[in-house]
C-alpha atoms as a PDB file:
ATOM      1  CA  MET A   1     111.447 104.155 108.829  1.00  0.00           C
ATOM      2  CA  ALA A   2     111.900 101.864 105.866  1.00  0.00           C
ATOM      3  CA  ALA A   3     109.620  99.260 107.522  1.00  0.00           C
ATOM      4  CA  LEU A   4     106.684 101.638 107.945  1.00  0.00           C
ATOM      5  CA  PRO A   5     104.823 100.468 104.785  1.00  0.00           C
ATOM      6  CA  LEU A   6     105.174  96.890 105.992  1.00  0.00           C
ATOM      7  CA  TYR A   7     103.626  97.714 109.371  1.00  0.00           C
ATOM      8  CA  LEU A   8     100.845  99.759 107.788  1.00  0.00           C
ATOM      9  CA  THR A   9      99.875  96.952 105.414  1.00  0.00           C
ATOM     10  CA  MET A  10      99.804  94.431 108.237  1.00  0.00           C
ATOM     11  CA  ILE A  11      97.619  96.718 110.375  1.00  0.00           C
ATOM     12  CA  ALA A  12      95.291  97.430 107.444  1.00  0.00           C
ATOM     13  CA  ALA A  13      94.879  93.722 106.678  1.00  0.00           C
ATOM     14  CA  SER A  14      94.056  92.926 110.339  1.00  0.00           C
ATOM     15  CA  ALA A  15      91.590  95.786 110.545  1.00  0.00           C
ATOM     16  CA  GLY A  16      89.940  94.678 107.261  1.00  0.00           C
ATOM     17  CA  ALA A  17      89.504  91.137 108.570  1.00  0.00           C
ATOM     18  CA  LEU A  18      88.027  92.415 111.798  1.00  0.00           C
ATOM     19  CA  VAL A  19      85.474  94.580 109.901  1.00  0.00           C
ATOM     20  CA  ASP A  20      84.566  91.680 107.570  1.00  0.00           C
ATOM     21  CA  THR A  21      84.015  89.323 110.489  1.00  0.00           C
ATOM     22  CA  ALA A  22      81.948  91.854 112.451  1.00  0.00           C
ATOM     23  CA  LEU A  23      79.705  92.670 109.503  1.00  0.00           C
ATOM     24  CA  LEU A  24      79.163  89.063 108.502  1.00  0.00           C
ATOM     25  CA  GLY A  25      78.546  88.033 112.108  1.00  0.00           C
ATOM     26  CA  ASN A  26      75.722  90.570 112.303  1.00  0.00           C
ATOM     27  CA  HIS A  27      74.343  89.518 108.941  1.00  0.00           C
ATOM     28  CA  ALA A  28      73.890  85.747 109.155  1.00  0.00           C
ATOM     29  CA  THR A  29      75.580  82.738 110.648  1.00  0.00           C
ATOM     30  CA  ALA A  30      75.757  80.967 107.302  1.00  0.00           C
ATOM     31  CA  ALA A  31      77.488  83.937 105.684  1.00  0.00           C
ATOM     32  CA  LEU A  32      80.062  84.003 108.496  1.00  0.00           C
ATOM     33  CA  ALA A  33      80.654  80.251 108.130  1.00  0.00           C
ATOM     34  CA  ALA A  34      81.130  80.590 104.380  1.00  0.00           C
ATOM     35  CA  PHE A  35      83.555  83.445 104.930  1.00  0.00           C
ATOM     36  CA  ALA A  36      85.511  81.315 107.429  1.00  0.00           C
ATOM     37  CA  VAL A  37      85.822  78.478 104.956  1.00  0.00           C
ATOM     38  CA  THR A  38      86.885  80.793 102.169  1.00  0.00           C
ATOM     39  CA  VAL A  39      89.494  82.490 104.370  1.00  0.00           C
ATOM     40  CA  ALA A  40      90.831  79.053 105.438  1.00  0.00           C
ATOM     41  CA  VAL A  41      91.389  78.085 101.825  1.00  0.00           C
ATOM     42  CA  PHE A  42      92.703  81.342 100.363  1.00  0.00           C
ATOM     43  CA  SER A  43      94.599  82.896 103.261  1.00  0.00           C
ATOM     44  CA  PRO A  44      97.649  80.577 103.137  1.00  0.00           C
ATOM     45  CA  ALA A  45      98.127  81.262  99.439  1.00  0.00           C
ATOM     46  CA  THR A  46      97.717  84.993  99.867  1.00  0.00           C
ATOM     47  CA  ALA A  47     100.023  85.019 102.867  1.00  0.00           C
ATOM     48  CA  THR A  48     102.705  83.148 100.938  1.00  0.00           C
ATOM     49  CA  VAL A  49     102.763  85.632  98.073  1.00  0.00           C
ATOM     50  CA  ALA A  50     102.381  88.667 100.314  1.00  0.00           C
ATOM     51  CA  GLY A  51     105.152  87.419 102.574  1.00  0.00           C
ATOM     52  CA  ALA A  52     107.518  87.041  99.662  1.00  0.00           C
ATOM     53  CA  LEU A  53     106.668  90.525  98.372  1.00  0.00           C
ATOM     54  CA  ARG A  54     106.943  92.074 101.826  1.00  0.00           C
ATOM     55  CA  GLY A  55     110.308  90.459 102.231  1.00  0.00           C
ATOM     56  CA  VAL A  56     111.537  92.541  99.287  1.00  0.00           C
ATOM     57  CA  MET A  57     110.438  95.877 100.844  1.00  0.00           C
ATOM     58  CA  PRO A  58     113.573  96.471 102.978  1.00  0.00           C
ATOM     59  CA  PHE A  59     115.621  96.161  99.799  1.00  0.00           C
ATOM     60  CA  VAL A  60     113.383  98.481  97.833  1.00  0.00           C
ATOM     61  CA  ALA A  61     113.344 101.375 100.280  1.00  0.00           C
ATOM     62  CA  PRO A  62     117.036 102.312  99.991  1.00  0.00           C
ATOM     63  CA  ARG A  63     116.824 102.278  96.193  1.00  0.00           C
ATOM     64  CA  LYS A  64     113.634 104.380  95.830  1.00  0.00           C
ATOM     65  CA  ASP A  65     115.563 107.257  94.272  1.00  0.00           C
ATOM     66  CA  ASP A  66     117.427 105.087  91.706  1.00  0.00           C
ATOM     67  CA  PRO A  67     114.942 103.540  89.258  1.00  0.00           C
ATOM     68  CA  ASP A  68     117.704 101.821  87.301  1.00  0.00           C
ATOM     69  CA  ARG A  69     118.643  99.729  90.353  1.00  0.00           C
ATOM     70  CA  LEU A  70     115.048  99.425  91.600  1.00  0.00           C
ATOM     71  CA  LEU A  71     113.473  97.768  88.548  1.00  0.00           C
ATOM     72  CA  PRO A  72     115.556  94.562  88.591  1.00  0.00           C
ATOM     73  CA  LEU A  73     114.918  94.233  92.310  1.00  0.00           C
ATOM     74  CA  VAL A  74     111.157  94.535  91.981  1.00  0.00           C
ATOM     75  CA  HIS A  75     111.225  92.157  88.967  1.00  0.00           C
ATOM     76  CA  SER A  76     113.124  89.579  91.059  1.00  0.00           C
ATOM     77  CA  GLY A  77     110.723  90.030  93.939  1.00  0.00           C
ATOM     78  CA  MET A  78     107.793  89.353  91.676  1.00  0.00           C
ATOM     79  CA  TRP A  79     109.318  86.145  90.352  1.00  0.00           C
ATOM     80  CA  LEU A  80     110.244  85.095  93.911  1.00  0.00           C
ATOM     81  CA  ALA A  81     106.583  85.439  94.895  1.00  0.00           C
ATOM     82  CA  VAL A  82     105.441  83.465  91.856  1.00  0.00           C
ATOM     83  CA  MET A  83     107.920  80.701  92.496  1.00  0.00           C
ATOM     84  CA  VAL A  84     107.148  80.444  96.210  1.00  0.00           C
ATOM     85  CA  ALA A  85     103.394  80.317  95.472  1.00  0.00           C
ATOM     86  CA  SER A  86     103.838  77.635  92.828  1.00  0.00           C
ATOM     87  CA  VAL A  87     105.870  75.245  94.949  1.00  0.00           C
ATOM     88  CA  ARG A  88     103.868  75.679  98.181  1.00  0.00           C
ATOM     89  CA  ARG A  89     101.933  72.575  99.126  1.00  0.00           C
ATOM     90  CA  PRO A  90      98.818  72.765 101.384  1.00  0.00           C
END
């Protein structure tokens, strides 16, 4: 049950990409091509940060009722995401 938010965010991201592609495909070919280039550039960076933050979720769920133990964990997760994103090379 602790992984439910992780699954929901992954499903929502996939559904959002599907809707974006369908709408842009009906609008214009150039718009769809521009979207594809943009996604190719920004998706790896977004996936890196989101992956680091999603990796913290299983540790957050058991501590949701104890804010004193939760805050340092969330803070460390944020810095992990920043560090992973800064050292990632395309």
